Amino acid sequence: MNKFKFEKLIIWQKAMDFGETIDQLSLNFPDREKFNLSSQICRASDSIALNISEGSIGQSNPEQKKFIGYSIRSLAEVVTCLFKAKRRHYITEEQFTNLYNESYHIMNMMIAFRKNIK
């Protein structure tokens, strides 16, 4: 059923799952964060998979590398939002650690993927 090249990419699949996890997590943030941190972390986490897919469609290799770079930047933004959420006591230390480690794993996968683009 995979009709688009990006659907086969493990980094895209992981980014999709990660985005859903972040979305669910943000539902527990206070209402006052709805248009601030909740919105920011969700947009940044969605941007990871969005840029991976955009870079994989009919793009030259330099373009694909550029879009993976955007995904990496978005992931860094999510990590900063996670730090903010932890400092504001919206997430537990355990939630933070798990998501931080998952972020690090996805980051390393994206860096390796970008290095392998010829």
N, C-alpha and C. Protein backbone atom coordinates (compact mmCIF):
# COMPACT_ATOMS: atom_id res chain seq x y z
N MET A 1 0.82 -1.20 0.00
CA MET A 1 0.00 0.00 0.00
C MET A 1 0.86 1.26 0.00
N ASN A 2 2.14 1.17 0.35
CA ASN A 2 3.00 2.36 0.37
C ASN A 2 3.19 2.91 -1.03
N LYS A 3 2.50 3.99 -1.32
CA LYS A 3 2.59 4.59 -2.64
C LYS A 3 3.60 5.72 -2.69
N PHE A 4 3.91 6.28 -1.54
CA PHE A 4 4.87 7.37 -1.47
C PHE A 4 6.17 6.84 -0.87
N LYS A 5 7.28 7.30 -1.42
CA LYS A 5 8.60 6.85 -1.00
C LYS A 5 8.83 7.05 0.51
N PHE A 6 8.37 8.18 1.03
CA PHE A 6 8.63 8.49 2.44
C PHE A 6 7.95 7.53 3.40
N GLU A 7 6.86 6.89 2.98
CA GLU A 7 6.15 5.97 3.87
C GLU A 7 7.02 4.78 4.28
N LYS A 8 8.00 4.45 3.45
CA LYS A 8 8.88 3.33 3.74
C LYS A 8 10.02 3.71 4.68
N LEU A 9 10.24 4.99 4.86
CA LEU A 9 11.36 5.46 5.68
C LEU A 9 11.07 5.26 7.17
N ILE A 10 11.97 4.55 7.83
CA ILE A 10 11.83 4.32 9.27
C ILE A 10 11.82 5.65 10.03
N ILE A 11 12.64 6.61 9.59
CA ILE A 11 12.67 7.89 10.30
C ILE A 11 11.33 8.61 10.19
N TRP A 12 10.66 8.48 9.04
CA TRP A 12 9.33 9.09 8.88
C TRP A 12 8.33 8.38 9.80
N GLN A 13 8.37 7.06 9.83
CA GLN A 13 7.46 6.30 10.68
C GLN A 13 7.66 6.65 12.15
N LYS A 14 8.92 6.74 12.56
CA LYS A 14 9.23 7.09 13.96
C LYS A 14 8.78 8.52 14.26
N ALA A 15 9.00 9.42 13.31
CA ALA A 15 8.58 10.82 13.49
C ALA A 15 7.06 10.92 13.59
N MET A 16 6.35 10.12 12.82
CA MET A 16 4.88 10.10 12.90
C MET A 16 4.43 9.64 14.29
N ASP A 17 5.00 8.56 14.78
CA ASP A 17 4.65 8.05 16.11
C ASP A 17 5.01 9.05 17.20
N PHE A 18 6.19 9.65 17.07
CA PHE A 18 6.66 10.63 18.05
C PHE A 18 5.70 11.83 18.10
N GLY A 19 5.26 12.28 16.93
CA GLY A 19 4.32 13.40 16.88
C GLY A 19 3.01 13.09 17.59
N GLU A 20 2.53 11.86 17.44
CA GLU A 20 1.29 11.48 18.12
C GLU A 20 1.49 11.41 19.63
N THR A 21 2.65 10.92 20.05
CA THR A 21 2.96 10.87 21.49
C THR A 21 2.99 12.28 22.07
N ILE A 22 3.65 13.18 21.37
CA ILE A 22 3.73 14.57 21.84
C ILE A 22 2.34 15.21 21.88
N ASP A 23 1.53 14.94 20.86
CA ASP A 23 0.17 15.49 20.83
C ASP A 23 -0.62 15.03 22.05
N GLN A 24 -0.55 13.75 22.36
CA GLN A 24 -1.25 13.23 23.54
C GLN A 24 -0.72 13.83 24.83
N LEU A 25 0.58 13.98 24.91
CA LEU A 25 1.21 14.56 26.10
C LEU A 25 0.73 16.00 26.32
N SER A 26 0.65 16.76 25.24
CA SER A 26 0.28 18.19 25.35
C SER A 26 -1.15 18.39 25.83
N LEU A 27 -1.99 17.37 25.69
CA LEU A 27 -3.37 17.48 26.17
C LEU A 27 -3.43 17.65 27.69
N ASN A 28 -2.36 17.24 28.37
CA ASN A 28 -2.31 17.36 29.83
C ASN A 28 -1.74 18.69 30.31
N PHE A 29 -1.29 19.53 29.38
CA PHE A 29 -0.78 20.84 29.77
C PHE A 29 -1.96 21.70 30.23
N PRO A 30 -1.70 22.70 31.07
CA PRO A 30 -2.80 23.57 31.52
C PRO A 30 -3.45 24.32 30.34
N ASP A 31 -4.70 24.67 30.52
CA ASP A 31 -5.44 25.40 29.47
C ASP A 31 -4.73 26.68 29.06
N ARG A 32 -4.06 27.32 29.99
CA ARG A 32 -3.39 28.59 29.67
C ARG A 32 -2.27 28.40 28.65
N GLU A 33 -1.82 27.16 28.45
CA GLU A 33 -0.75 26.87 27.49
C GLU A 33 -1.29 26.48 26.11
N LYS A 34 -2.61 26.46 25.97
CA LYS A 34 -3.21 26.00 24.72
C LYS A 34 -2.64 26.70 23.49
N PHE A 35 -2.47 28.01 23.56
CA PHE A 35 -1.97 28.77 22.41
C PHE A 35 -0.49 29.09 22.53
N ASN A 36 0.14 28.54 23.55
CA ASN A 36 1.57 28.78 23.75
C ASN A 36 2.35 27.48 23.61
N LEU A 37 2.76 26.91 24.72
CA LEU A 37 3.64 25.75 24.69
C LEU A 37 2.98 24.53 24.04
N SER A 38 1.71 24.30 24.32
CA SER A 38 1.02 23.16 23.70
C SER A 38 1.03 23.27 22.19
N SER A 39 0.67 24.42 21.70
CA SER A 39 0.66 24.65 20.25
C SER A 39 2.05 24.53 19.65
N GLN A 40 3.02 25.11 20.32
CA GLN A 40 4.39 25.12 19.80
C GLN A 40 4.98 23.72 19.72
N ILE A 41 4.81 22.93 20.78
CA ILE A 41 5.40 21.59 20.79
C ILE A 41 4.71 20.70 19.77
N CYS A 42 3.41 20.87 19.58
CA CYS A 42 2.70 20.06 18.58
C CYS A 42 3.10 20.44 17.16
N ARG A 43 3.19 21.74 16.89
CA ARG A 43 3.60 22.17 15.54
C ARG A 43 5.01 21.72 15.23
N ALA A 44 5.91 21.82 16.21
CA ALA A 44 7.30 21.41 15.99
C ALA A 44 7.40 19.90 15.78
N SER A 45 6.66 19.13 16.58
CA SER A 45 6.73 17.67 16.43
C SER A 45 6.11 17.22 15.11
N ASP A 46 5.04 17.87 14.69
CA ASP A 46 4.45 17.54 13.38
C ASP A 46 5.40 17.91 12.24
N SER A 47 6.12 18.98 12.42
CA SER A 47 7.05 19.46 11.39
C SER A 47 8.16 18.46 11.08
N ILE A 48 8.50 17.63 12.04
CA ILE A 48 9.57 16.64 11.82
C ILE A 48 9.18 15.72 10.67
N ALA A 49 8.03 15.06 10.78
CA ALA A 49 7.57 14.15 9.73
C ALA A 49 7.21 14.90 8.45
N LEU A 50 6.62 16.08 8.59
CA LEU A 50 6.24 16.86 7.41
C LEU A 50 7.44 17.19 6.54
N ASN A 51 8.53 17.58 7.17
CA ASN A 51 9.73 17.93 6.39
C ASN A 51 10.42 16.71 5.80
N ILE A 52 10.37 15.59 6.51
CA ILE A 52 10.94 14.35 5.95
C ILE A 52 10.19 13.99 4.67
N SER A 53 8.87 14.04 4.73
CA SER A 53 8.09 13.68 3.55
C SER A 53 8.27 14.70 2.43
N GLU A 54 8.26 15.97 2.76
CA GLU A 54 8.43 16.99 1.72
C GLU A 54 9.77 16.86 1.02
N GLY A 55 10.81 16.55 1.76
CA GLY A 55 12.14 16.41 1.17
C GLY A 55 12.30 15.18 0.32
N SER A 56 11.42 14.21 0.49
CA SER A 56 11.60 12.95 -0.24
C SER A 56 10.86 12.91 -1.58
N ILE A 57 10.05 13.90 -1.85
CA ILE A 57 9.23 13.87 -3.07
C ILE A 57 9.88 14.70 -4.17
N GLY A 58 10.41 14.00 -5.16
CA GLY A 58 10.92 14.64 -6.37
C GLY A 58 11.97 15.70 -6.15
N GLN A 59 12.66 15.62 -5.06
CA GLN A 59 13.67 16.62 -4.75
C GLN A 59 15.05 16.12 -5.12
N SER A 60 15.92 17.05 -5.40
CA SER A 60 17.33 16.70 -5.61
C SER A 60 17.94 16.33 -4.26
N ASN A 61 19.10 15.70 -4.29
CA ASN A 61 19.75 15.31 -3.04
C ASN A 61 20.05 16.50 -2.13
N PRO A 62 20.55 17.63 -2.67
CA PRO A 62 20.77 18.77 -1.77
C PRO A 62 19.46 19.27 -1.13
N GLU A 63 18.36 19.20 -1.89
CA GLU A 63 17.07 19.60 -1.34
C GLU A 63 16.63 18.64 -0.23
N GLN A 64 16.82 17.35 -0.47
CA GLN A 64 16.44 16.37 0.55
C GLN A 64 17.25 16.59 1.82
N LYS A 65 18.54 16.86 1.68
CA LYS A 65 19.38 17.13 2.85
C LYS A 65 18.88 18.37 3.59
N LYS A 66 18.47 19.38 2.83
CA LYS A 66 17.97 20.62 3.43
C LYS A 66 16.73 20.33 4.28
N PHE A 67 15.81 19.53 3.75
CA PHE A 67 14.58 19.24 4.48
C PHE A 67 14.84 18.36 5.70
N ILE A 68 15.78 17.45 5.61
CA ILE A 68 16.16 16.66 6.79
C ILE A 68 16.74 17.61 7.85
N GLY A 69 17.49 18.59 7.40
CA GLY A 69 18.00 19.61 8.33
C GLY A 69 16.87 20.35 9.03
N TYR A 70 15.81 20.68 8.29
CA TYR A 70 14.65 21.32 8.91
C TYR A 70 14.02 20.40 9.96
N SER A 71 13.96 19.10 9.65
CA SER A 71 13.40 18.14 10.60
C SER A 71 14.24 18.08 11.87
N ILE A 72 15.54 18.09 11.70
CA ILE A 72 16.45 18.07 12.85
C ILE A 72 16.24 19.31 13.71
N ARG A 73 16.09 20.46 13.07
CA ARG A 73 15.85 21.70 13.82
C ARG A 73 14.52 21.65 14.57
N SER A 74 13.50 21.09 13.93
CA SER A 74 12.20 20.96 14.58
C SER A 74 12.29 20.04 15.79
N LEU A 75 13.06 18.97 15.67
CA LEU A 75 13.24 18.06 16.80
C LEU A 75 13.95 18.77 17.95
N ALA A 76 14.93 19.58 17.63
CA ALA A 76 15.62 20.36 18.68
C ALA A 76 14.64 21.31 19.37
N GLU A 77 13.71 21.86 18.61
CA GLU A 77 12.68 22.73 19.18
C GLU A 77 11.78 21.94 20.13
N VAL A 78 11.41 20.72 19.75
CA VAL A 78 10.60 19.87 20.62
C VAL A 78 11.34 19.60 21.93
N VAL A 79 12.62 19.30 21.83
CA VAL A 79 13.41 19.02 23.04
C VAL A 79 13.40 20.24 23.97
N THR A 80 13.54 21.42 23.41
CA THR A 80 13.49 22.64 24.23
C THR A 80 12.12 22.80 24.88
N CYS A 81 11.07 22.51 24.14
CA CYS A 81 9.72 22.56 24.71
C CYS A 81 9.56 21.53 25.83
N LEU A 82 10.17 20.36 25.66
CA LEU A 82 10.12 19.36 26.73
C LEU A 82 10.80 19.86 27.99
N PHE A 83 11.93 20.55 27.82
CA PHE A 83 12.60 21.15 28.98
C PHE A 83 11.68 22.16 29.65
N LYS A 84 11.02 22.99 28.85
CA LYS A 84 10.08 23.99 29.39
C LYS A 84 8.95 23.29 30.16
N ALA A 85 8.40 22.23 29.56
CA ALA A 85 7.29 21.51 30.19
C ALA A 85 7.74 20.88 31.52
N LYS A 86 8.95 20.37 31.54
CA LYS A 86 9.47 19.77 32.78
C LYS A 86 9.66 20.86 33.84
N ARG A 87 10.25 21.97 33.46
CA ARG A 87 10.49 23.07 34.42
C ARG A 87 9.19 23.62 34.99
N ARG A 88 8.14 23.60 34.18
CA ARG A 88 6.85 24.12 34.61
C ARG A 88 6.00 23.04 35.28
N HIS A 89 6.57 21.86 35.42
CA HIS A 89 5.92 20.73 36.09
C HIS A 89 4.66 20.25 35.37
N TYR A 90 4.69 20.32 34.03
CA TYR A 90 3.59 19.78 33.23
C TYR A 90 3.81 18.31 32.91
N ILE A 91 5.07 17.88 32.96
CA ILE A 91 5.40 16.48 32.72
C ILE A 91 6.31 16.00 33.85
N THR A 92 6.30 14.69 34.04
CA THR A 92 7.13 14.11 35.09
C THR A 92 8.57 13.96 34.58
N GLU A 93 9.44 13.73 35.51
CA GLU A 93 10.85 13.47 35.17
C GLU A 93 10.95 12.22 34.28
N GLU A 94 10.14 11.22 34.58
CA GLU A 94 10.15 9.98 33.79
C GLU A 94 9.66 10.24 32.35
N GLN A 95 8.59 10.99 32.22
CA GLN A 95 8.10 11.33 30.87
C GLN A 95 9.17 12.10 30.10
N PHE A 96 9.77 13.07 30.78
CA PHE A 96 10.82 13.85 30.14
C PHE A 96 11.96 12.95 29.67
N THR A 97 12.44 12.10 30.55
CA THR A 97 13.58 11.23 30.23
C THR A 97 13.26 10.31 29.05
N ASN A 98 12.08 9.72 29.07
CA ASN A 98 11.69 8.84 27.96
C ASN A 98 11.63 9.58 26.63
N LEU A 99 11.02 10.75 26.63
CA LEU A 99 10.89 11.52 25.39
C LEU A 99 12.22 12.13 24.96
N TYR A 100 13.02 12.50 25.92
CA TYR A 100 14.35 13.02 25.61
C TYR A 100 15.19 11.93 24.93
N ASN A 101 15.15 10.74 25.49
CA ASN A 101 15.90 9.62 24.91
C ASN A 101 15.38 9.25 23.52
N GLU A 102 14.07 9.26 23.35
CA GLU A 102 13.48 8.99 22.03
C GLU A 102 13.90 10.08 21.03
N SER A 103 13.92 11.31 21.49
CA SER A 103 14.36 12.43 20.63
C SER A 103 15.80 12.24 20.18
N TYR A 104 16.63 11.85 21.11
CA TYR A 104 18.05 11.64 20.81
C TYR A 104 18.22 10.51 19.78
N HIS A 105 17.44 9.45 19.95
CA HIS A 105 17.49 8.32 19.02
C HIS A 105 17.04 8.76 17.61
N ILE A 106 15.94 9.48 17.54
CA ILE A 106 15.44 9.96 16.24
C ILE A 106 16.45 10.93 15.61
N MET A 107 17.02 11.79 16.42
CA MET A 107 18.02 12.75 15.92
C MET A 107 19.20 12.00 15.28
N ASN A 108 19.70 11.00 15.98
CA ASN A 108 20.82 10.24 15.44
C ASN A 108 20.45 9.52 14.15
N MET A 109 19.24 9.00 14.08
CA MET A 109 18.77 8.35 12.86
C MET A 109 18.72 9.35 11.70
N MET A 110 18.22 10.55 11.97
CA MET A 110 18.11 11.55 10.91
C MET A 110 19.48 12.03 10.45
N ILE A 111 20.40 12.19 11.37
CA ILE A 111 21.76 12.60 11.01
C ILE A 111 22.42 11.54 10.14
N ALA A 112 22.26 10.28 10.53
CA ALA A 112 22.82 9.17 9.74
C ALA A 112 22.17 9.11 8.36
N PHE A 113 20.85 9.30 8.31
CA PHE A 113 20.14 9.29 7.04
C PHE A 113 20.66 10.41 6.14
N ARG A 114 20.82 11.60 6.70
CA ARG A 114 21.28 12.75 5.91
C ARG A 114 22.69 12.51 5.37
N LYS A 115 23.54 11.88 6.18
CA LYS A 115 24.91 11.58 5.73
C LYS A 115 24.92 10.60 4.57
N ASN A 116 23.93 9.72 4.51
CA ASN A 116 23.86 8.70 3.46
C ASN A 116 23.20 9.18 2.17
N ILE A 117 22.67 10.38 2.17
CA ILE A 117 22.09 10.92 0.94
C ILE A 117 23.25 11.30 0.03
N LYS A 118 23.28 10.74 -1.14
CA LYS A 118 24.40 10.98 -2.09
C LYS A 118 24.19 12.24 -2.88
